[in-house]
Amino acid sequence: MIVRTLDEVKAGENSVRTDTFESNRMLIARDGVGFSLNHTVLYAGTVTHIWYQNHIEAVYCLSGEARIECLASGKTYTIKPGTLYTLDGHEEHNLHAVTDFECLCVFDPPLTGREVHDENGVYPLMQEDDAAATA
């Protein structure tokens, strides 16, 4: 059984902060459950460019509001509490945080905990050995 608190994760090495968001990796590849789970807050007024070429992501909004803009289609969707979106087609998108936007994110394959977006908005496909080398 795995039991951990958000405060524990925030204080450890699996908390990633950027100019636009804070992502706390609650479950990671090393936990061996087949997926990873992040508690993420995107900061109000920011735009984050994302393109998960190596992962499928499902996002469930807990609080706040954001707009997801699909770059291929030009469609935008408003995301509010109780809304789920899934990037099952590896859609390149911009995520506009209207307010502080708090969500739970599930990734497959699981993240190692230290991934950060590259210049294209992509998380690299890392193995646990790769994560240990960057920590």
N, C-alpha and C. Protein backbone atom coordinates (compact mmCIF):
# COMPACT_ATOMS: atom_id res chain seq x y z
N MET A 1 0.84 -1.18 0.00
CA MET A 1 0.00 0.00 0.00
C MET A 1 0.89 1.24 0.00
N ILE A 2 0.51 2.20 -0.80
CA ILE A 2 1.23 3.47 -0.88
C ILE A 2 0.36 4.55 -0.26
N VAL A 3 0.90 5.25 0.72
CA VAL A 3 0.19 6.37 1.34
C VAL A 3 1.18 7.53 1.42
N ARG A 4 0.83 8.64 0.80
CA ARG A 4 1.67 9.84 0.91
C ARG A 4 0.79 11.08 0.81
N THR A 5 1.28 12.15 1.37
CA THR A 5 0.50 13.39 1.36
C THR A 5 1.08 14.37 0.34
N LEU A 6 0.25 15.30 -0.06
CA LEU A 6 0.70 16.36 -0.96
C LEU A 6 1.85 17.14 -0.33
N ASP A 7 1.76 17.42 0.95
CA ASP A 7 2.83 18.16 1.64
C ASP A 7 4.16 17.40 1.57
N GLU A 8 4.11 16.08 1.72
CA GLU A 8 5.34 15.27 1.62
C GLU A 8 5.95 15.38 0.23
N VAL A 9 5.11 15.30 -0.80
CA VAL A 9 5.61 15.37 -2.17
C VAL A 9 6.17 16.76 -2.46
N LYS A 10 5.47 17.79 -2.01
CA LYS A 10 5.94 19.16 -2.23
C LYS A 10 7.32 19.40 -1.62
N ALA A 11 7.60 18.74 -0.52
CA ALA A 11 8.88 18.92 0.17
C ALA A 11 10.00 18.05 -0.40
N GLY A 12 9.67 17.17 -1.34
CA GLY A 12 10.65 16.22 -1.86
C GLY A 12 11.10 16.53 -3.26
N GLU A 13 11.78 15.56 -3.85
CA GLU A 13 12.38 15.73 -5.17
C GLU A 13 11.39 15.59 -6.32
N ASN A 14 10.16 15.17 -6.05
CA ASN A 14 9.19 14.95 -7.13
C ASN A 14 8.21 16.10 -7.27
N SER A 15 8.64 17.30 -6.87
CA SER A 15 7.87 18.51 -7.06
C SER A 15 8.60 19.37 -8.08
N VAL A 16 7.94 19.68 -9.17
CA VAL A 16 8.55 20.46 -10.25
C VAL A 16 7.81 21.78 -10.35
N ARG A 17 8.56 22.87 -10.33
CA ARG A 17 7.98 24.21 -10.43
C ARG A 17 8.59 24.95 -11.62
N THR A 18 7.72 25.62 -12.39
CA THR A 18 8.16 26.45 -13.50
C THR A 18 7.53 27.82 -13.35
N ASP A 19 7.68 28.67 -14.37
CA ASP A 19 7.05 29.99 -14.34
C ASP A 19 5.53 29.91 -14.47
N THR A 20 5.01 28.79 -15.01
CA THR A 20 3.58 28.71 -15.28
C THR A 20 2.84 27.69 -14.43
N PHE A 21 3.55 26.77 -13.78
CA PHE A 21 2.85 25.75 -12.99
C PHE A 21 3.73 25.12 -11.92
N GLU A 22 3.06 24.42 -11.01
CA GLU A 22 3.70 23.55 -10.03
C GLU A 22 3.08 22.18 -10.19
N SER A 23 3.92 21.16 -10.38
CA SER A 23 3.44 19.79 -10.58
C SER A 23 4.05 18.90 -9.52
N ASN A 24 3.20 18.30 -8.71
CA ASN A 24 3.64 17.40 -7.64
C ASN A 24 3.28 15.98 -8.02
N ARG A 25 4.31 15.18 -8.25
CA ARG A 25 4.15 13.84 -8.77
C ARG A 25 3.87 12.88 -7.62
N MET A 26 2.58 12.61 -7.41
CA MET A 26 2.11 11.81 -6.27
C MET A 26 2.44 10.32 -6.43
N LEU A 27 2.30 9.81 -7.63
CA LEU A 27 2.70 8.45 -7.99
C LEU A 27 3.61 8.55 -9.19
N ILE A 28 4.70 7.78 -9.20
CA ILE A 28 5.65 7.82 -10.30
C ILE A 28 5.99 6.40 -10.74
N ALA A 29 6.75 6.28 -11.80
CA ALA A 29 7.09 4.98 -12.38
C ALA A 29 7.65 4.02 -11.33
N ARG A 30 8.52 4.52 -10.48
CA ARG A 30 9.16 3.68 -9.45
C ARG A 30 8.14 3.01 -8.52
N ASP A 31 6.94 3.58 -8.41
CA ASP A 31 5.91 2.99 -7.55
C ASP A 31 5.33 1.71 -8.15
N GLY A 32 5.54 1.50 -9.45
CA GLY A 32 5.19 0.24 -10.08
C GLY A 32 3.70 -0.05 -10.26
N VAL A 33 2.88 1.00 -10.37
CA VAL A 33 1.44 0.78 -10.52
C VAL A 33 0.96 0.91 -11.97
N GLY A 34 1.87 1.21 -12.90
CA GLY A 34 1.51 1.24 -14.31
C GLY A 34 1.08 2.59 -14.85
N PHE A 35 0.98 3.61 -14.00
CA PHE A 35 0.64 4.97 -14.42
C PHE A 35 1.24 5.91 -13.39
N SER A 36 1.25 7.19 -13.72
CA SER A 36 1.66 8.18 -12.71
C SER A 36 0.51 9.15 -12.50
N LEU A 37 0.53 9.80 -11.34
CA LEU A 37 -0.53 10.73 -10.94
C LEU A 37 0.12 12.00 -10.41
N ASN A 38 -0.26 13.12 -11.02
CA ASN A 38 0.27 14.43 -10.61
C ASN A 38 -0.86 15.29 -10.05
N HIS A 39 -0.54 16.05 -9.03
CA HIS A 39 -1.40 17.13 -8.56
C HIS A 39 -0.73 18.40 -9.09
N THR A 40 -1.43 19.12 -9.97
CA THR A 40 -0.82 20.26 -10.66
C THR A 40 -1.66 21.51 -10.47
N VAL A 41 -0.99 22.64 -10.31
CA VAL A 41 -1.64 23.95 -10.29
C VAL A 41 -0.96 24.81 -11.35
N LEU A 42 -1.76 25.26 -12.32
CA LEU A 42 -1.28 26.23 -13.30
C LEU A 42 -1.66 27.61 -12.79
N TYR A 43 -0.74 28.55 -12.92
CA TYR A 43 -0.93 29.88 -12.34
C TYR A 43 -1.80 30.76 -13.23
N ALA A 44 -2.70 31.50 -12.59
CA ALA A 44 -3.63 32.40 -13.28
C ALA A 44 -2.89 33.32 -14.24
N GLY A 45 -3.45 33.48 -15.44
CA GLY A 45 -2.90 34.40 -16.41
C GLY A 45 -1.75 33.87 -17.23
N THR A 46 -1.39 32.58 -17.05
CA THR A 46 -0.27 32.02 -17.79
C THR A 46 -0.77 31.13 -18.93
N VAL A 47 0.13 30.90 -19.88
CA VAL A 47 -0.13 29.98 -20.99
C VAL A 47 1.02 28.97 -21.00
N THR A 48 0.67 27.69 -21.03
CA THR A 48 1.67 26.63 -21.08
C THR A 48 1.48 25.86 -22.38
N HIS A 49 2.55 25.78 -23.16
CA HIS A 49 2.54 25.02 -24.42
C HIS A 49 2.90 23.57 -24.10
N ILE A 50 2.04 22.64 -24.55
CA ILE A 50 2.21 21.22 -24.21
C ILE A 50 1.98 20.38 -25.46
N TRP A 51 2.83 19.36 -25.62
CA TRP A 51 2.67 18.42 -26.72
C TRP A 51 3.26 17.09 -26.28
N TYR A 52 2.45 16.26 -25.65
CA TYR A 52 2.93 14.98 -25.13
C TYR A 52 3.00 13.95 -26.24
N GLN A 53 4.12 13.91 -26.93
CA GLN A 53 4.33 12.97 -28.02
C GLN A 53 4.57 11.55 -27.51
N ASN A 54 5.00 11.42 -26.27
CA ASN A 54 5.39 10.12 -25.71
C ASN A 54 4.43 9.59 -24.65
N HIS A 55 3.41 10.34 -24.31
CA HIS A 55 2.52 9.97 -23.21
C HIS A 55 1.07 10.24 -23.58
N ILE A 56 0.18 9.49 -22.96
CA ILE A 56 -1.25 9.81 -22.95
C ILE A 56 -1.51 10.46 -21.61
N GLU A 57 -2.22 11.58 -21.61
CA GLU A 57 -2.53 12.27 -20.36
C GLU A 57 -4.04 12.45 -20.24
N ALA A 58 -4.54 12.19 -19.04
CA ALA A 58 -5.92 12.51 -18.69
C ALA A 58 -5.87 13.53 -17.56
N VAL A 59 -6.69 14.58 -17.67
CA VAL A 59 -6.68 15.69 -16.71
C VAL A 59 -8.09 15.88 -16.16
N TYR A 60 -8.19 15.95 -14.83
CA TYR A 60 -9.48 16.18 -14.18
C TYR A 60 -9.36 17.46 -13.37
N CYS A 61 -10.20 18.44 -13.66
CA CYS A 61 -10.16 19.74 -12.99
C CYS A 61 -10.81 19.67 -11.61
N LEU A 62 -10.06 20.09 -10.59
CA LEU A 62 -10.56 20.16 -9.22
C LEU A 62 -11.11 21.54 -8.90
N SER A 63 -10.39 22.59 -9.35
CA SER A 63 -10.85 23.95 -9.09
C SER A 63 -10.23 24.90 -10.11
N GLY A 64 -10.84 26.07 -10.24
CA GLY A 64 -10.35 27.07 -11.17
C GLY A 64 -10.92 26.90 -12.56
N GLU A 65 -10.33 27.64 -13.48
CA GLU A 65 -10.80 27.60 -14.87
C GLU A 65 -9.62 27.76 -15.81
N ALA A 66 -9.67 27.00 -16.92
CA ALA A 66 -8.66 27.10 -17.97
C ALA A 66 -9.33 26.92 -19.32
N ARG A 67 -8.62 27.33 -20.36
CA ARG A 67 -9.04 27.07 -21.73
C ARG A 67 -7.95 26.25 -22.38
N ILE A 68 -8.35 25.15 -23.01
CA ILE A 68 -7.40 24.34 -23.76
C ILE A 68 -7.62 24.65 -25.24
N GLU A 69 -6.55 24.99 -25.92
CA GLU A 69 -6.57 25.36 -27.33
C GLU A 69 -5.83 24.30 -28.13
N CYS A 70 -6.54 23.53 -28.94
CA CYS A 70 -5.94 22.51 -29.79
C CYS A 70 -5.32 23.21 -31.00
N LEU A 71 -4.01 23.09 -31.16
CA LEU A 71 -3.34 23.85 -32.21
C LEU A 71 -3.64 23.31 -33.61
N ALA A 72 -3.89 22.02 -33.76
CA ALA A 72 -4.18 21.45 -35.09
C ALA A 72 -5.55 21.88 -35.60
N SER A 73 -6.55 21.87 -34.72
CA SER A 73 -7.92 22.17 -35.15
C SER A 73 -8.34 23.61 -34.91
N GLY A 74 -7.65 24.28 -33.99
CA GLY A 74 -8.05 25.64 -33.61
C GLY A 74 -9.19 25.67 -32.61
N LYS A 75 -9.73 24.51 -32.26
CA LYS A 75 -10.83 24.47 -31.29
C LYS A 75 -10.32 24.80 -29.90
N THR A 76 -11.19 25.47 -29.13
CA THR A 76 -10.89 25.72 -27.72
C THR A 76 -12.02 25.15 -26.86
N TYR A 77 -11.63 24.73 -25.68
CA TYR A 77 -12.58 24.15 -24.73
C TYR A 77 -12.37 24.81 -23.38
N THR A 78 -13.45 25.15 -22.72
CA THR A 78 -13.37 25.70 -21.36
C THR A 78 -13.39 24.54 -20.38
N ILE A 79 -12.43 24.55 -19.47
CA ILE A 79 -12.30 23.49 -18.47
C ILE A 79 -12.59 24.09 -17.10
N LYS A 80 -13.57 23.52 -16.41
CA LYS A 80 -13.99 23.97 -15.08
C LYS A 80 -14.06 22.77 -14.16
N PRO A 81 -14.26 22.98 -12.86
CA PRO A 81 -14.34 21.85 -11.92
C PRO A 81 -15.33 20.79 -12.38
N GLY A 82 -14.88 19.55 -12.31
CA GLY A 82 -15.70 18.43 -12.71
C GLY A 82 -15.53 18.04 -14.17
N THR A 83 -14.67 18.75 -14.91
CA THR A 83 -14.43 18.45 -16.32
C THR A 83 -13.16 17.61 -16.47
N LEU A 84 -13.23 16.61 -17.34
CA LEU A 84 -12.10 15.77 -17.70
C LEU A 84 -11.76 16.01 -19.17
N TYR A 85 -10.47 16.08 -19.47
CA TYR A 85 -10.05 15.99 -20.87
C TYR A 85 -8.88 15.02 -20.97
N THR A 86 -8.82 14.35 -22.10
CA THR A 86 -7.78 13.34 -22.32
C THR A 86 -7.11 13.61 -23.66
N LEU A 87 -5.79 13.62 -23.64
CA LEU A 87 -5.00 13.84 -24.85
C LEU A 87 -4.65 12.48 -25.45
N ASP A 88 -5.68 11.80 -25.94
CA ASP A 88 -5.50 10.44 -26.44
C ASP A 88 -4.91 10.40 -27.84
N GLY A 89 -4.83 11.56 -28.49
CA GLY A 89 -4.24 11.66 -29.82
C GLY A 89 -2.94 12.46 -29.81
N HIS A 90 -2.34 12.62 -28.64
CA HIS A 90 -1.08 13.38 -28.49
C HIS A 90 -1.23 14.80 -29.04
N GLU A 91 -2.39 15.42 -28.79
CA GLU A 91 -2.68 16.73 -29.35
C GLU A 91 -1.74 17.81 -28.80
N GLU A 92 -1.15 18.57 -29.71
CA GLU A 92 -0.36 19.74 -29.33
C GLU A 92 -1.36 20.83 -28.95
N HIS A 93 -1.12 21.49 -27.81
CA HIS A 93 -2.09 22.46 -27.34
C HIS A 93 -1.45 23.52 -26.46
N ASN A 94 -2.18 24.59 -26.28
CA ASN A 94 -1.84 25.61 -25.29
C ASN A 94 -2.89 25.54 -24.20
N LEU A 95 -2.43 25.60 -22.97
CA LEU A 95 -3.33 25.61 -21.83
C LEU A 95 -3.28 26.99 -21.20
N HIS A 96 -4.40 27.71 -21.29
CA HIS A 96 -4.52 29.08 -20.78
C HIS A 96 -5.19 29.02 -19.41
N ALA A 97 -4.47 29.34 -18.36
CA ALA A 97 -5.05 29.36 -17.01
C ALA A 97 -5.76 30.69 -16.81
N VAL A 98 -7.08 30.67 -16.77
CA VAL A 98 -7.87 31.87 -16.56
C VAL A 98 -7.73 32.31 -15.10
N THR A 99 -7.85 31.34 -14.20
CA THR A 99 -7.60 31.53 -12.77
C THR A 99 -6.57 30.48 -12.38
N ASP A 100 -6.15 30.45 -11.12
CA ASP A 100 -5.34 29.32 -10.70
C ASP A 100 -6.14 28.07 -11.00
N PHE A 101 -5.53 27.12 -11.70
CA PHE A 101 -6.22 25.95 -12.22
C PHE A 101 -5.60 24.71 -11.57
N GLU A 102 -6.36 24.07 -10.70
CA GLU A 102 -5.89 22.91 -9.94
C GLU A 102 -6.48 21.64 -10.55
N CYS A 103 -5.60 20.67 -10.82
CA CYS A 103 -6.08 19.46 -11.48
C CYS A 103 -5.27 18.24 -11.06
N LEU A 104 -5.83 17.07 -11.34
CA LEU A 104 -5.15 15.79 -11.20
C LEU A 104 -4.87 15.28 -12.60
N CYS A 105 -3.64 14.83 -12.84
CA CYS A 105 -3.22 14.37 -14.16
C CYS A 105 -2.69 12.95 -14.06
N VAL A 106 -3.17 12.09 -14.94
CA VAL A 106 -2.71 10.70 -15.01
C VAL A 106 -1.93 10.53 -16.31
N PHE A 107 -0.75 9.90 -16.22
CA PHE A 107 0.10 9.68 -17.40
C PHE A 107 0.37 8.20 -17.62
N ASP A 108 0.33 7.82 -18.90
CA ASP A 108 0.75 6.49 -19.33
C ASP A 108 1.60 6.68 -20.58
N PRO A 109 2.82 6.16 -20.62
CA PRO A 109 3.50 5.49 -19.53
C PRO A 109 3.78 6.45 -18.37
N PRO A 110 4.02 5.88 -17.20
CA PRO A 110 4.20 6.71 -16.01
C PRO A 110 5.45 7.59 -16.10
N LEU A 111 5.34 8.77 -15.48
CA LEU A 111 6.48 9.67 -15.36
C LEU A 111 7.41 9.16 -14.27
N THR A 112 8.68 9.54 -14.39
CA THR A 112 9.65 9.18 -13.34
C THR A 112 9.62 10.17 -12.19
N GLY A 113 9.07 11.35 -12.44
CA GLY A 113 8.97 12.36 -11.39
C GLY A 113 9.76 13.63 -11.66
N ARG A 114 10.75 13.58 -12.54
CA ARG A 114 11.61 14.74 -12.77
C ARG A 114 11.45 15.37 -14.15
N GLU A 115 10.55 14.87 -14.97
CA GLU A 115 10.39 15.40 -16.33
C GLU A 115 10.01 16.87 -16.31
N VAL A 116 10.54 17.59 -17.27
CA VAL A 116 10.13 18.98 -17.54
C VAL A 116 9.89 19.11 -19.05
N HIS A 117 9.02 20.03 -19.44
CA HIS A 117 8.74 20.24 -20.86
C HIS A 117 9.99 20.74 -21.57
N ASP A 118 10.25 20.20 -22.76
CA ASP A 118 11.35 20.73 -23.56
C ASP A 118 10.84 21.93 -24.37
N GLU A 119 11.63 22.42 -25.30
CA GLU A 119 11.27 23.62 -26.07
C GLU A 119 10.02 23.41 -26.93
N ASN A 120 9.62 22.15 -27.17
CA ASN A 120 8.42 21.85 -27.95
C ASN A 120 7.22 21.48 -27.08
N GLY A 121 7.37 21.57 -25.76
CA GLY A 121 6.29 21.22 -24.85
C GLY A 121 6.19 19.73 -24.58
N VAL A 122 7.24 18.99 -24.90
CA VAL A 122 7.25 17.53 -24.79
C VAL A 122 7.95 17.09 -23.50
N TYR A 123 7.41 16.07 -22.85
CA TYR A 123 8.14 15.36 -21.80
C TYR A 123 8.92 14.25 -22.48
N PRO A 124 10.21 14.12 -22.18
CA PRO A 124 10.96 13.00 -22.76
C PRO A 124 10.44 11.68 -22.18
N LEU A 125 10.64 10.62 -22.93
CA LEU A 125 10.28 9.29 -22.44
C LEU A 125 11.48 8.79 -21.65
N MET A 126 11.38 8.87 -20.33
CA MET A 126 12.50 8.54 -19.44
C MET A 126 12.24 7.21 -18.75
N GLN A 127 13.33 6.50 -18.50
CA GLN A 127 13.29 5.30 -17.67
C GLN A 127 13.79 5.70 -16.29
N GLU A 128 13.55 4.87 -15.31
CA GLU A 128 13.96 5.18 -13.94
C GLU A 128 15.45 5.47 -13.85
N ASP A 129 16.29 4.75 -14.60
CA ASP A 129 17.72 5.01 -14.59
C ASP A 129 18.05 6.42 -15.09
N ASP A 130 17.28 6.90 -16.10
CA ASP A 130 17.47 8.25 -16.62
C ASP A 130 17.14 9.29 -15.55
N ALA A 131 16.08 9.04 -14.78
CA ALA A 131 15.66 9.97 -13.74
C ALA A 131 16.71 10.07 -12.65
N ALA A 132 17.31 8.96 -12.28
CA ALA A 132 18.35 8.97 -11.24
C ALA A 132 19.54 9.79 -11.69
N ALA A 133 19.84 9.74 -13.00
CA ALA A 133 20.98 10.48 -13.53
C ALA A 133 20.75 11.98 -13.55
N THR A 134 19.47 12.43 -13.63
CA THR A 134 19.18 13.87 -13.69
C THR A 134 18.86 14.45 -12.32
N ALA A 135 18.70 13.62 -11.31
CA ALA A 135 18.33 14.11 -9.98
C ALA A 135 19.51 14.73 -9.28
